[in-house]
Amino acid sequence: MKAVQLHDDKSNKAGRIQSLAVILLALLYFLPLWWVTISAFRPENDIFRFLSPLDVQTVLPRELTMKNVSELWLSDFARAIFNSFLVAILTVFIGLAVCASAAFGLAVIDFAGRGLVFSVMVISFLIPFDAIALPLYNIMRDFQLQNSYVGLVLPGIGNGLAVFALRQYFMGIPKELREAAMIDGLGWFGIFWRIYLPLSVPALISAGLILFVFQWHAYLWPLLIAPSPSYKVAAVSISQFSTSFDVQYGLIFAAAFFISAVPMLILVGFQRYFATSAAHSGNKD
């Protein structure tokens, strides 16, 4: 009896230590986000004032202002964040159609070279985008797609990671369902549209999040393909607040706050779908 009690005490102690470690790790990640957030609402002269030496006001400011936010939305940033939303949303809808179709073919349809195609696809999303940005830009330039939404959207619609996640989910759907559908006369498109897509809502939302975040945080590609102010996205527009003669830190932090807040809120809202998709995908090879 004492041995069991001693074991329970050790387990409880280990659990408390793990909980404390998780809390400390969460604080470690949260503090930079908190500092960026409060810096967006500080007077510009106070942003770096309490960093050395550290002070209570480093993380708990006494004075807050909406000046940075109001000036930010009166600048070209409003147009830039609209462009980011438009590009990201178009990428999600078009990309899901492309990625889901590719994933269905790789998961369900048995054709010669399927394993090779899947291997090439997996390798493709391991290659850093920076390595192919310039060749891709030359191709887009040949088709005169600079300074256009088409040029901004196209590179994001074929995301290898989204295809991989959807394929793994599709492979977990019982094959008896499609066999029964074939007996009822459904073709491949009917099976895909009427059976696989309705059963894969968590995976589709998860893939949509991947596509959205990829485009929302894109910097190098929008900088190359769309330098015009009319097509500038939010991540690129921050540079307008820093010149050789002046750096507007208040506007930079305010812009960083909004750029960071949008994907965080979306990820928090759809977190349960992402977790469900990941758990389901792990059931199949």
Protein backbone atom coordinates (compact mmCIF):
# COMPACT_ATOMS: atom_id res chain seq x y z
CA MET A 1 0.00 0.00 0.00
CA LYS A 2 2.85 2.38 0.88
CA ALA A 3 4.62 1.50 -2.36
CA VAL A 4 1.52 2.43 -4.37
CA GLN A 5 1.15 5.70 -2.46
CA LEU A 6 4.85 6.51 -2.98
CA HIS A 7 4.45 5.84 -6.71
CA ASP A 8 1.40 8.15 -6.85
CA ASP A 9 3.31 10.90 -5.02
CA LYS A 10 6.19 10.65 -7.50
CA SER A 11 3.76 10.74 -10.42
CA ASN A 12 2.03 13.82 -9.01
CA LYS A 13 5.37 15.54 -8.44
CA ALA A 14 6.50 14.74 -12.00
CA GLY A 15 3.19 16.07 -13.31
CA ARG A 16 3.59 19.35 -11.42
CA ILE A 17 7.14 19.76 -12.74
CA GLN A 18 5.95 19.15 -16.30
CA SER A 19 3.10 21.63 -15.88
CA LEU A 20 5.50 24.25 -14.53
CA ALA A 21 7.89 23.64 -17.45
CA VAL A 22 5.04 24.05 -19.96
CA ILE A 23 3.91 27.30 -18.28
CA LEU A 24 7.45 28.71 -18.35
CA LEU A 25 7.87 27.72 -22.00
CA ALA A 26 4.53 29.35 -22.86
CA LEU A 27 5.64 32.56 -21.12
CA LEU A 28 8.91 32.47 -23.03
CA TYR A 29 6.99 32.43 -26.32
CA PHE A 30 4.33 34.87 -25.14
CA LEU A 31 6.58 37.68 -23.91
CA PRO A 32 7.90 38.77 -27.36
CA LEU A 33 4.34 38.79 -28.71
CA TRP A 34 3.17 40.81 -25.73
CA TRP A 35 6.02 43.30 -26.16
CA VAL A 36 5.17 43.80 -29.84
CA THR A 37 1.50 44.27 -28.94
CA ILE A 38 2.06 46.91 -26.25
CA SER A 39 4.71 48.64 -28.38
CA ALA A 40 2.06 49.15 -31.05
CA PHE A 41 0.11 51.27 -28.56
CA ARG A 42 2.99 53.09 -26.83
CA PRO A 43 4.12 56.60 -27.64
CA GLU A 44 7.03 56.19 -30.06
CA ASN A 45 9.54 57.69 -27.61
CA ASP A 46 8.69 55.01 -25.03
CA ILE A 47 9.10 51.92 -27.23
CA PHE A 48 12.78 51.33 -26.42
CA ARG A 49 12.96 53.55 -23.36
CA PHE A 50 12.50 50.80 -20.75
CA LEU A 51 14.62 48.06 -22.30
CA SER A 52 17.91 48.94 -20.65
CA PRO A 53 17.73 48.58 -17.76
CA LEU A 54 14.60 46.44 -17.65
CA ASP A 55 11.70 47.93 -15.76
CA VAL A 56 8.12 47.06 -14.87
CA GLN A 57 7.06 49.39 -17.68
CA THR A 58 8.92 47.18 -20.12
CA VAL A 59 5.93 44.84 -20.07
CA LEU A 60 3.30 46.95 -18.27
CA PRO A 61 3.23 50.42 -19.83
CA ARG A 62 1.60 53.28 -17.95
CA GLU A 63 0.76 55.31 -21.05
CA LEU A 64 -1.01 53.98 -24.12
CA THR A 65 -2.06 55.77 -27.28
CA MET A 66 -4.01 55.05 -30.46
CA LYS A 67 -1.88 57.46 -32.50
CA ASN A 68 0.21 54.72 -34.14
CA VAL A 69 -2.86 52.73 -35.16
CA SER A 70 -4.76 55.73 -36.53
CA GLU A 71 -1.75 56.92 -38.56
CA LEU A 72 -1.19 53.38 -39.82
CA TRP A 73 -4.69 53.02 -41.24
CA LEU A 74 -4.51 56.46 -42.84
CA SER A 75 -1.39 55.34 -44.75
CA ASP A 76 -1.09 52.92 -47.68
CA PHE A 77 -1.11 50.01 -45.21
CA ALA A 78 -4.91 49.74 -45.49
CA ARG A 79 -4.59 48.98 -49.21
CA ALA A 80 -1.74 46.57 -48.52
CA ILE A 81 -3.66 44.54 -45.95
CA PHE A 82 -6.63 44.37 -48.34
CA ASN A 83 -4.27 42.96 -50.97
CA SER A 84 -2.97 40.40 -48.46
CA PHE A 85 -6.50 39.28 -47.61
CA LEU A 86 -7.49 39.04 -51.27
CA VAL A 87 -4.39 37.10 -52.29
CA ALA A 88 -4.62 34.74 -49.28
CA ILE A 89 -8.34 34.03 -49.76
CA LEU A 90 -7.98 33.41 -53.50
CA THR A 91 -5.05 31.11 -52.78
CA VAL A 92 -7.09 29.14 -50.23
CA PHE A 93 -10.07 28.51 -52.54
CA ILE A 94 -8.12 27.83 -55.73
CA GLY A 95 -5.38 25.99 -53.87
CA LEU A 96 -7.84 23.68 -52.10
CA ALA A 97 -9.35 22.72 -55.45
CA VAL A 98 -5.90 21.93 -56.87
CA CYS A 99 -4.41 20.28 -53.77
CA ALA A 100 -7.50 18.20 -52.95
CA SER A 101 -7.69 16.91 -56.53
CA ALA A 102 -4.00 15.98 -56.49
CA ALA A 103 -4.29 14.35 -53.07
CA PHE A 104 -7.32 12.32 -54.19
CA GLY A 105 -5.46 11.02 -57.22
CA LEU A 106 -2.40 10.08 -55.15
CA ALA A 107 -4.44 8.44 -52.39
CA VAL A 108 -7.20 6.64 -54.28
CA ILE A 109 -6.48 6.18 -57.98
CA ASP A 110 -3.98 3.43 -58.73
CA PHE A 111 -1.82 4.45 -61.70
CA ALA A 112 1.68 3.66 -62.89
CA GLY A 113 4.30 5.81 -61.17
CA ARG A 114 2.04 6.97 -58.35
CA GLY A 115 4.74 6.34 -55.74
CA LEU A 116 7.31 8.26 -57.80
CA VAL A 117 4.96 11.22 -58.26
CA PHE A 118 4.27 11.30 -54.53
CA SER A 119 7.99 11.14 -53.72
CA VAL A 120 8.74 14.05 -56.07
CA MET A 121 5.89 16.01 -54.50
CA VAL A 122 7.23 15.40 -50.97
CA ILE A 123 10.73 16.45 -52.01
CA SER A 124 9.36 19.58 -53.71
CA PHE A 125 7.95 21.09 -50.53
CA LEU A 126 11.27 20.47 -48.74
CA ILE A 127 13.04 22.82 -51.16
CA PRO A 128 13.20 26.40 -49.79
CA PHE A 129 11.10 28.78 -51.87
CA ASP A 130 14.00 31.24 -51.97
CA ALA A 131 15.93 28.73 -54.10
CA ILE A 132 13.36 28.83 -56.91
CA ALA A 133 12.14 32.43 -56.57
CA LEU A 134 14.33 33.92 -59.30
CA PRO A 135 13.70 31.20 -61.94
CA LEU A 136 9.99 31.43 -61.15
CA TYR A 137 10.13 35.21 -61.51
CA ASN A 138 11.68 34.85 -64.99
CA ILE A 139 8.83 32.55 -66.01
CA MET A 140 6.20 34.96 -64.69
CA ARG A 141 7.93 37.87 -66.42
CA ASP A 142 7.81 36.02 -69.74
CA PHE A 143 4.05 35.73 -69.31
CA GLN A 144 3.84 39.42 -68.27
CA LEU A 145 2.36 38.63 -64.87
CA GLN A 146 4.30 41.24 -62.89
CA ASN A 147 2.18 43.59 -60.78
CA SER A 148 -0.92 41.40 -60.94
CA TYR A 149 -2.98 39.35 -58.53
CA VAL A 150 -2.49 36.33 -60.80
CA GLY A 151 1.27 36.57 -60.36
CA LEU A 152 0.86 36.84 -56.59
CA VAL A 153 -1.56 33.91 -56.28
CA LEU A 154 -0.17 31.31 -58.70
CA PRO A 155 2.93 30.13 -56.76
CA GLY A 156 0.84 29.43 -53.66
CA ILE A 157 -1.91 27.22 -55.06
CA GLY A 158 0.19 24.07 -55.46
CA ASN A 159 1.39 23.54 -51.89
CA GLY A 160 3.12 20.19 -51.33
CA LEU A 161 2.48 20.17 -47.60
CA ALA A 162 -1.26 20.69 -48.15
CA VAL A 163 -1.33 17.86 -50.71
CA PHE A 164 0.52 15.60 -48.28
CA ALA A 165 -1.89 16.36 -45.41
CA LEU A 166 -4.97 15.79 -47.58
CA ARG A 167 -3.59 12.57 -49.05
CA GLN A 168 -2.94 11.13 -45.61
CA TYR A 169 -6.49 11.97 -44.58
CA PHE A 170 -8.03 10.52 -47.76
CA MET A 171 -6.15 7.27 -47.20
CA GLY A 172 -7.93 6.91 -43.85
CA ILE A 173 -11.38 6.84 -45.51
CA PRO A 174 -12.57 3.20 -45.90
CA LYS A 175 -12.22 1.98 -49.47
CA GLU A 176 -15.54 0.14 -49.10
CA LEU A 177 -17.30 3.48 -49.47
CA ARG A 178 -15.87 4.15 -52.91
CA GLU A 179 -16.43 0.54 -53.98
CA ALA A 180 -20.10 0.85 -53.03
CA ALA A 181 -20.28 4.16 -54.91
CA MET A 182 -18.79 2.55 -58.03
CA ILE A 183 -21.42 -0.18 -57.87
CA ASP A 184 -24.07 2.58 -57.77
CA GLY A 185 -22.57 4.06 -60.93
CA LEU A 186 -20.53 6.98 -59.61
CA GLY A 187 -17.37 7.95 -61.47
CA TRP A 188 -14.15 9.23 -59.94
CA PHE A 189 -15.37 12.81 -59.85
CA GLY A 190 -18.63 11.81 -58.19
CA ILE A 191 -16.75 9.78 -55.57
CA PHE A 192 -14.43 12.70 -54.93
CA TRP A 193 -17.21 15.30 -54.75
CA ARG A 194 -19.94 13.37 -52.94
CA ILE A 195 -17.95 11.11 -50.61
CA TYR A 196 -14.38 12.23 -49.99
CA LEU A 197 -14.87 15.98 -49.72
CA PRO A 198 -17.84 15.87 -47.30
CA LEU A 199 -15.94 13.42 -45.07
CA SER A 200 -12.76 15.51 -45.11
CA VAL A 201 -13.88 18.88 -43.76
CA PRO A 202 -11.24 18.92 -40.94
CA ALA A 203 -8.48 18.09 -43.43
CA LEU A 204 -9.70 20.73 -45.88
CA ILE A 205 -9.72 23.37 -43.15
CA SER A 206 -6.25 22.27 -42.07
CA ALA A 207 -4.94 22.50 -45.64
CA GLY A 208 -6.67 25.87 -46.03
CA LEU A 209 -4.83 27.16 -42.96
CA ILE A 210 -1.53 26.02 -44.46
CA LEU A 211 -2.26 27.84 -47.71
CA PHE A 212 -3.47 30.97 -45.92
CA VAL A 213 -0.45 31.28 -43.62
CA PHE A 214 1.96 30.61 -46.51
CA GLN A 215 0.56 33.52 -48.50
CA TRP A 216 -0.10 35.85 -45.57
CA HIS A 217 3.53 35.78 -44.45
CA ALA A 218 5.05 35.76 -47.95
CA TYR A 219 7.63 38.49 -48.37
CA LEU A 220 10.25 37.67 -51.00
CA TRP A 221 7.85 36.67 -53.78
CA PRO A 222 5.49 39.70 -53.47
CA LEU A 223 8.56 41.93 -53.29
CA LEU A 224 9.85 40.48 -56.59
CA ILE A 225 6.66 40.08 -58.60
CA ALA A 226 4.57 43.06 -57.42
CA PRO A 227 6.65 46.13 -56.49
CA SER A 228 3.85 48.49 -57.55
CA PRO A 229 2.11 50.25 -54.61
CA SER A 230 -1.26 49.10 -55.98
CA TYR A 231 -0.34 45.43 -55.47
CA LYS A 232 1.92 45.69 -52.41
CA VAL A 233 0.99 43.27 -49.62
CA ALA A 234 1.08 43.90 -45.86
CA ALA A 235 4.38 42.13 -45.15
CA VAL A 236 6.15 44.23 -47.80
CA SER A 237 4.43 47.49 -46.91
CA ILE A 238 6.19 47.69 -43.54
CA SER A 239 9.33 48.78 -45.38
CA GLN A 240 7.70 52.11 -46.28
CA PHE A 241 7.98 53.16 -42.62
CA SER A 242 11.77 52.86 -42.66
CA THR A 243 13.94 55.12 -44.83
CA SER A 244 17.54 56.29 -44.81
CA PHE A 245 16.49 59.42 -42.94
CA ASP A 246 13.75 58.25 -40.61
CA VAL A 247 12.45 55.07 -38.98
CA GLN A 248 8.85 55.22 -37.71
CA TYR A 249 9.00 52.53 -35.06
CA GLY A 250 5.48 53.19 -33.80
CA LEU A 251 3.99 52.45 -37.23
CA ILE A 252 6.27 49.44 -37.72
CA PHE A 253 5.13 47.85 -34.46
CA ALA A 254 1.49 48.68 -35.16
CA ALA A 255 1.72 47.04 -38.59
CA ALA A 256 3.53 44.02 -37.12
CA PHE A 257 0.75 43.68 -34.54
CA PHE A 258 -2.00 43.49 -37.16
CA ILE A 259 -0.01 41.22 -39.46
CA SER A 260 0.61 38.80 -36.57
CA ALA A 261 -2.88 39.02 -35.05
CA VAL A 262 -4.80 37.91 -38.16
CA PRO A 263 -3.26 34.41 -38.58
CA MET A 264 -3.18 33.88 -34.80
CA LEU A 265 -6.90 34.55 -34.49
CA ILE A 266 -7.67 32.30 -37.46
CA LEU A 267 -5.48 29.48 -36.12
CA VAL A 268 -7.06 29.72 -32.66
CA GLY A 269 -10.54 29.66 -34.17
CA PHE A 270 -9.86 26.58 -36.29
CA GLN A 271 -7.43 24.83 -33.96
CA ARG A 272 -9.74 21.90 -33.22
CA TYR A 273 -10.07 21.11 -36.93
CA PHE A 274 -6.31 21.22 -37.36
CA ALA A 275 -5.81 18.85 -34.39
CA THR A 276 -8.52 16.47 -35.69
CA SER A 277 -6.90 16.37 -39.13
CA ALA A 278 -3.42 15.74 -37.71
CA ALA A 279 -4.68 12.94 -35.45
CA HIS A 280 -6.62 11.28 -38.26
CA SER A 281 -3.69 11.56 -40.70
CA GLY A 282 -1.44 9.70 -38.30
CA ASN A 283 -3.57 6.58 -38.52
CA LYS A 284 -2.39 5.69 -42.01
CA ASP A 285 0.99 5.54 -43.70
